């Protein structure tokens, strides 16, 4: 091909690629705006269904962490003392963070199979369902957060500038929870025992994660169960802010991102690639 025709073809390809990219970004923005409205509608639906005709409604979201706080404080301060400074703040921050994770993942596991009517609707974005499950459970953490602020203020004194790191720790946990949620939601469509396996792993994970006890030091035996545990990193971030009034270690962000982002992208890719097959499996 003559050189001038090659240049012309190259220019047309570049222009076409630019137009395609511009259209693609417009489409992505449009999808995000659609997701925003749909996300709010599904979130309101889930919360309404959960607390419909309940006497105290969303107040139940505080009952579980408060009851756990009461039991842990009673046992590990008076029966089997662990001698952890500021134990009420220490254990309540752990209970809230673990509570979000341990309720979001099982809810996400059944989010696709439990919404078969929505999934079968043409054009419905199946990938939004695990996101709704994670955010619905995050609402409970956000409702209990003011109580954690009060407990931390009473027990450890006023908060410091390190509180500015709280959104980053929250995002780190959201990414990890969402990445895992996508994978278990897809797995549950094809293998219906997944929700039971998730329950077993979460029960084991609760005891292997330093929710109510101090994390093991790197030099101690079995320290790998904490040094390789993403939820242990995230709890360290919350406790640095609320218990120690210090900035969380930067390592928790990149380590969590290193694990979470591949899971998240793989989950989204699997949903997008296998949407038709997911509908057939329901």
Protein backbone atom coordinates (compact mmCIF):
# COMPACT_ATOMS: atom_id res chain seq x y z
CA UNK A 1 0.00 0.00 0.00
CA UNK A 2 1.35 3.47 -0.88
CA UNK A 3 2.62 5.52 2.03
CA UNK A 4 -0.03 8.27 1.68
CA UNK A 5 -2.82 5.65 1.79
CA UNK A 6 -1.24 4.07 4.87
CA UNK A 7 -1.17 7.44 6.63
CA UNK A 8 -4.79 8.09 5.65
CA UNK A 9 -5.88 4.68 6.96
CA UNK A 10 -3.93 5.25 10.18
CA UNK A 11 -5.58 8.66 10.68
CA UNK A 12 -9.04 7.17 10.13
CA UNK A 13 -8.27 4.37 12.60
CA UNK A 14 -7.10 6.87 15.22
CA UNK A 15 -10.20 9.03 14.73
CA UNK A 16 -12.41 5.98 14.93
CA UNK A 17 -10.65 4.83 18.10
CA UNK A 18 -11.08 8.28 19.67
CA UNK A 19 -14.80 8.33 18.78
CA UNK A 20 -15.17 4.79 20.11
CA UNK A 21 -13.42 5.71 23.36
CA UNK A 22 -15.58 8.83 23.72
CA UNK A 23 -18.74 6.80 23.09
CA UNK A 24 -17.55 4.12 25.43
CA UNK A 25 -16.99 6.59 28.25
CA UNK A 26 -20.41 8.13 27.59
CA UNK A 27 -21.93 4.69 27.80
CA UNK A 28 -20.06 3.96 31.03
CA UNK A 29 -21.21 7.26 32.58
CA UNK A 30 -24.77 6.48 31.49
CA UNK A 31 -24.55 3.01 33.04
CA UNK A 32 -23.16 4.46 36.30
CA UNK A 33 -26.02 6.97 36.49
CA UNK A 34 -28.53 4.20 35.84
CA UNK A 35 -26.83 2.05 38.47
CA UNK A 36 -27.01 4.92 40.95
CA UNK A 37 -30.81 5.18 40.70
CA UNK A 38 -31.24 1.41 40.61
CA UNK A 39 -28.84 0.95 43.52
CA UNK A 40 -30.77 3.38 45.71
CA UNK A 41 -34.09 1.74 44.78
CA UNK A 42 -32.81 -1.79 45.56
CA UNK A 43 -31.15 -0.60 48.77
CA UNK A 44 -34.41 0.99 49.97
CA UNK A 45 -36.29 -2.18 48.99
CA UNK A 46 -33.92 -4.44 50.97
CA UNK A 47 -34.02 -2.29 54.10
CA UNK A 48 -37.81 -1.94 53.89
CA UNK A 49 -38.30 -5.71 53.50
CA UNK A 50 -35.90 -6.45 56.35
CA UNK A 51 -37.48 -4.12 58.91
CA UNK A 52 -41.07 -3.97 57.69
CA UNK A 53 -43.54 -4.07 60.59
CA UNK A 54 -40.65 -4.23 63.06
CA UNK A 55 -41.15 -2.39 66.36
CA UNK A 56 -37.74 -0.65 66.41
CA UNK A 57 -36.80 -0.99 62.72
CA UNK A 58 -33.18 -0.12 62.02
CA UNK A 59 -32.57 -0.10 65.77
CA UNK A 60 -32.12 -3.88 65.46
CA UNK A 61 -28.89 -3.23 63.58
CA UNK A 62 -27.41 -2.00 66.87
CA UNK A 63 -28.72 -4.85 69.01
CA UNK A 64 -26.32 -7.52 67.71
CA UNK A 65 -23.04 -5.55 68.09
CA UNK A 66 -24.15 -4.19 71.46
CA UNK A 67 -25.01 -7.66 72.75
CA UNK A 68 -21.64 -8.98 71.51
CA UNK A 69 -19.89 -6.04 73.16
CA UNK A 70 -21.64 -6.82 76.44
CA UNK A 71 -20.68 -10.51 76.37
CA UNK A 72 -17.06 -9.95 75.30
CA UNK A 73 -16.56 -7.19 77.87
CA UNK A 74 -18.03 -9.35 80.62
CA UNK A 75 -16.01 -12.46 79.79
CA UNK A 76 -12.68 -10.99 78.73
CA UNK A 77 -12.50 -8.28 81.37
CA UNK A 78 -13.82 -10.17 84.39
CA UNK A 79 -13.88 -13.95 83.73
CA UNK A 80 -10.83 -14.49 81.49
CA UNK A 81 -9.08 -11.10 81.54
CA UNK A 82 -7.04 -10.38 78.43
CA UNK A 83 -5.58 -7.17 79.87
CA UNK A 84 -6.02 -5.24 76.62
CA UNK A 85 -6.01 -1.46 77.16
CA UNK A 86 -9.28 0.32 76.27
CA UNK A 87 -10.93 -3.04 75.71
CA UNK A 88 -14.44 -1.67 75.11
CA UNK A 89 -13.27 0.46 72.17
CA UNK A 90 -10.92 -2.31 71.01
CA UNK A 91 -13.59 -5.00 70.87
CA UNK A 92 -16.42 -2.77 69.61
CA UNK A 93 -14.37 -1.60 66.62
CA UNK A 94 -13.58 -5.24 65.85
CA UNK A 95 -17.18 -6.38 66.27
CA UNK A 96 -18.53 -3.66 63.96
CA UNK A 97 -15.99 -4.27 61.19
CA UNK A 98 -16.32 -8.06 61.37
CA UNK A 99 -20.10 -7.73 61.59
CA UNK A 100 -20.21 -5.89 58.28
CA UNK A 101 -17.98 -8.46 56.59
CA UNK A 102 -19.68 -11.53 58.07
CA UNK A 103 -23.21 -10.38 57.13
CA UNK A 104 -22.37 -8.93 53.71
CA UNK A 105 -20.66 -12.00 52.24
CA UNK A 106 -23.49 -14.50 53.00
CA UNK A 107 -26.06 -11.96 51.80
CA UNK A 108 -24.09 -11.51 48.57
CA UNK A 109 -23.84 -15.29 48.10
CA UNK A 110 -27.61 -15.55 47.64
CA UNK A 111 -28.08 -12.13 46.04
CA UNK A 112 -28.31 -13.47 42.46
CA UNK A 113 -30.17 -16.71 43.14
CA UNK A 114 -32.59 -14.90 45.46
CA UNK A 115 -33.50 -12.31 42.83
CA UNK A 116 -34.33 -14.61 39.92
CA UNK A 117 -37.28 -12.44 38.80
CA UNK A 118 -35.04 -9.40 38.47
CA UNK A 119 -32.21 -11.36 36.86
CA UNK A 120 -34.53 -12.71 34.14
CA UNK A 121 -35.61 -9.21 33.10
CA UNK A 122 -33.92 -8.21 29.82
CA UNK A 123 -31.14 -5.71 30.36
CA UNK A 124 -31.10 -5.97 34.15
CA UNK A 125 -27.50 -5.45 35.40
CA UNK A 126 -26.89 -8.64 37.38
CA UNK A 127 -23.61 -7.28 38.69
CA UNK A 128 -25.41 -4.75 40.84
CA UNK A 129 -26.93 -7.39 43.16
CA UNK A 130 -23.76 -8.28 45.17
CA UNK A 131 -23.05 -4.54 45.46
CA UNK A 132 -26.50 -3.96 46.97
CA UNK A 133 -25.92 -6.76 49.48
CA UNK A 134 -22.60 -5.25 50.61
CA UNK A 135 -23.92 -1.69 50.88
CA UNK A 136 -27.07 -2.76 52.74
CA UNK A 137 -24.90 -4.31 55.45
CA UNK A 138 -22.59 -1.27 55.43
CA UNK A 139 -25.59 0.85 56.48
CA UNK A 140 -25.64 -1.03 59.78
CA UNK A 141 -21.97 -0.21 60.38
CA UNK A 142 -22.57 3.45 59.57
CA UNK A 143 -25.53 3.57 61.98
CA UNK A 144 -23.39 2.13 64.79
CA UNK A 145 -20.39 4.34 64.02
CA UNK A 146 -21.54 7.32 66.16
CA UNK A 147 -21.72 4.95 69.13
CA UNK A 148 -18.11 3.89 68.48
CA UNK A 149 -17.09 7.56 68.40
CA UNK A 150 -18.77 8.11 71.79
CA UNK A 151 -17.20 5.02 73.37
CA UNK A 152 -13.76 5.94 72.02
CA UNK A 153 -14.13 9.52 73.27
CA UNK A 154 -15.15 8.39 76.78
CA UNK A 155 -12.55 5.62 77.09
CA UNK A 156 -9.52 6.96 75.23
CA UNK A 157 -10.05 10.71 75.02
CA UNK A 158 -10.71 12.99 72.07
CA UNK A 159 -10.08 11.86 68.53
CA UNK A 160 -7.12 13.21 66.58
CA UNK A 161 -6.45 14.08 62.95
CA UNK A 162 -5.98 10.37 62.26
CA UNK A 163 -9.78 10.16 62.02
CA UNK A 164 -9.30 11.53 58.49
CA UNK A 165 -7.99 8.07 57.53
CA UNK A 166 -11.30 6.40 58.43
CA UNK A 167 -12.79 6.68 54.90
CA UNK A 168 -9.68 4.98 53.47
CA UNK A 169 -9.96 2.07 55.89
CA UNK A 170 -13.67 1.88 55.10
CA UNK A 171 -12.94 1.79 51.35
CA UNK A 172 -10.27 -0.88 51.87
CA UNK A 173 -12.81 -3.07 53.66
CA UNK A 174 -15.48 -2.32 51.05
CA UNK A 175 -13.15 -3.39 48.22
CA UNK A 176 -12.18 -6.64 49.94
CA UNK A 177 -15.76 -7.47 50.92
CA UNK A 178 -17.09 -6.64 47.46
CA UNK A 179 -14.40 -8.63 45.64
CA UNK A 180 -15.11 -11.72 47.73
CA UNK A 181 -18.87 -11.14 47.45
CA UNK A 182 -18.77 -11.22 43.64
CA UNK A 183 -16.94 -14.54 43.63
CA UNK A 184 -19.23 -16.26 46.15
CA UNK A 185 -22.35 -14.88 44.40
CA UNK A 186 -21.26 -16.38 41.06
CA UNK A 187 -20.14 -19.62 42.70
CA UNK A 188 -23.51 -20.00 44.41
CA UNK A 189 -25.35 -19.83 41.09
CA UNK A 190 -23.50 -22.94 39.88
CA UNK A 191 -22.90 -24.68 43.21
CA UNK A 192 -25.73 -24.26 45.72
CA UNK A 193 -23.70 -25.51 48.69
CA UNK A 194 -21.66 -22.33 48.52
CA UNK A 195 -23.77 -20.46 51.08
CA UNK A 196 -23.24 -23.27 53.62
CA UNK A 197 -19.48 -23.34 52.95
CA UNK A 198 -19.39 -19.56 53.36
CA UNK A 199 -21.08 -19.93 56.75
CA UNK A 200 -18.49 -22.49 57.88
CA UNK A 201 -15.54 -20.40 56.67
CA UNK A 202 -16.92 -17.27 58.34
CA UNK A 203 -17.37 -19.12 61.62
CA UNK A 204 -13.74 -20.29 61.45
CA UNK A 205 -12.63 -16.86 60.28
CA UNK A 206 -14.19 -15.21 63.30
CA UNK A 207 -11.91 -17.15 65.64
CA UNK A 208 -8.86 -16.82 63.37
CA UNK A 209 -9.28 -13.05 63.14
CA UNK A 210 -8.33 -10.87 66.13
CA UNK A 211 -11.85 -9.55 66.71
CA UNK A 212 -11.88 -9.90 70.49
CA UNK A 213 -8.18 -10.57 71.21
CA UNK A 214 -4.88 -8.96 70.29
CA UNK A 215 -3.24 -9.94 67.01
CA UNK A 216 -0.22 -12.21 67.24
CA UNK A 217 3.18 -10.62 66.80
CA UNK A 218 5.23 -11.60 63.76
CA UNK A 219 7.74 -13.45 65.95
CA UNK A 220 5.09 -15.65 67.62
CA UNK A 221 4.14 -19.13 66.40
CA UNK A 222 1.06 -19.21 64.15
CA UNK A 223 1.49 -15.49 63.45
CA UNK A 224 0.77 -16.19 59.76
CA UNK A 225 -2.96 -16.49 60.50
CA UNK A 226 -2.90 -12.77 61.22
CA UNK A 227 -0.08 -11.50 59.01
CA UNK A 228 -1.79 -13.08 55.96
CA UNK A 229 -5.35 -12.25 57.03
CA UNK A 230 -6.87 -9.22 55.19
CA UNK A 231 -9.51 -8.71 57.88
CA UNK A 232 -6.74 -8.58 60.52
CA UNK A 233 -5.10 -5.77 58.50
CA UNK A 234 -8.39 -3.89 58.29
CA UNK A 235 -9.10 -4.26 62.02
CA UNK A 236 -5.60 -2.91 62.66
CA UNK A 237 -6.59 0.18 60.68
CA UNK A 238 -9.80 0.80 62.65
CA UNK A 239 -8.03 0.28 65.99
CA UNK A 240 -5.16 2.59 65.06
CA UNK A 241 -7.76 5.34 64.62
CA UNK A 242 -10.12 4.68 67.52
CA UNK A 243 -7.86 3.08 70.16
CA UNK A 244 -4.35 4.43 69.52
CA UNK A 245 -5.32 7.73 67.84
CA UNK A 246 -2.60 7.06 65.28
CA UNK A 247 -2.48 6.90 61.50
CA UNK A 248 -3.11 3.37 60.21
CA UNK A 249 -0.07 1.70 58.60
CA UNK A 250 0.08 2.49 54.89
CA UNK A 251 0.75 -1.19 54.17
CA UNK A 252 -2.84 -2.13 54.96
CA UNK A 253 -4.07 -0.13 51.95
CA UNK A 254 -1.79 -1.57 49.28
CA UNK A 255 -1.93 -5.11 50.69
CA UNK A 256 -5.74 -5.03 50.76
CA UNK A 257 -5.87 -3.52 47.26
CA UNK A 258 -3.44 -6.18 45.99
CA UNK A 259 -5.86 -8.92 47.05
CA UNK A 260 -9.18 -7.16 46.55
CA UNK A 261 -8.86 -5.60 43.10
CA UNK A 262 -8.07 -8.84 41.22
CA UNK A 263 -11.03 -10.53 42.95
CA UNK A 264 -13.27 -7.57 42.12
CA UNK A 265 -12.27 -7.35 38.46
CA UNK A 266 -12.47 -11.13 38.06
CA UNK A 267 -15.95 -11.15 39.61
CA UNK A 268 -17.22 -8.32 37.38
CA UNK A 269 -15.68 -9.98 34.32
CA UNK A 270 -17.30 -13.32 35.15
CA UNK A 271 -20.71 -11.69 35.62
CA UNK A 272 -20.46 -9.72 32.38
CA UNK A 273 -19.17 -12.68 30.38
CA UNK A 274 -21.57 -15.22 31.83
CA UNK A 275 -24.80 -13.24 32.28
CA UNK A 276 -26.76 -15.41 29.85
CA UNK A 277 -25.48 -18.59 31.45
CA UNK A 278 -26.29 -17.27 34.93
CA UNK A 279 -29.91 -16.73 33.85
CA UNK A 280 -30.06 -20.30 32.51
CA UNK A 281 -28.74 -21.69 35.79
CA UNK A 282 -31.49 -20.05 37.87
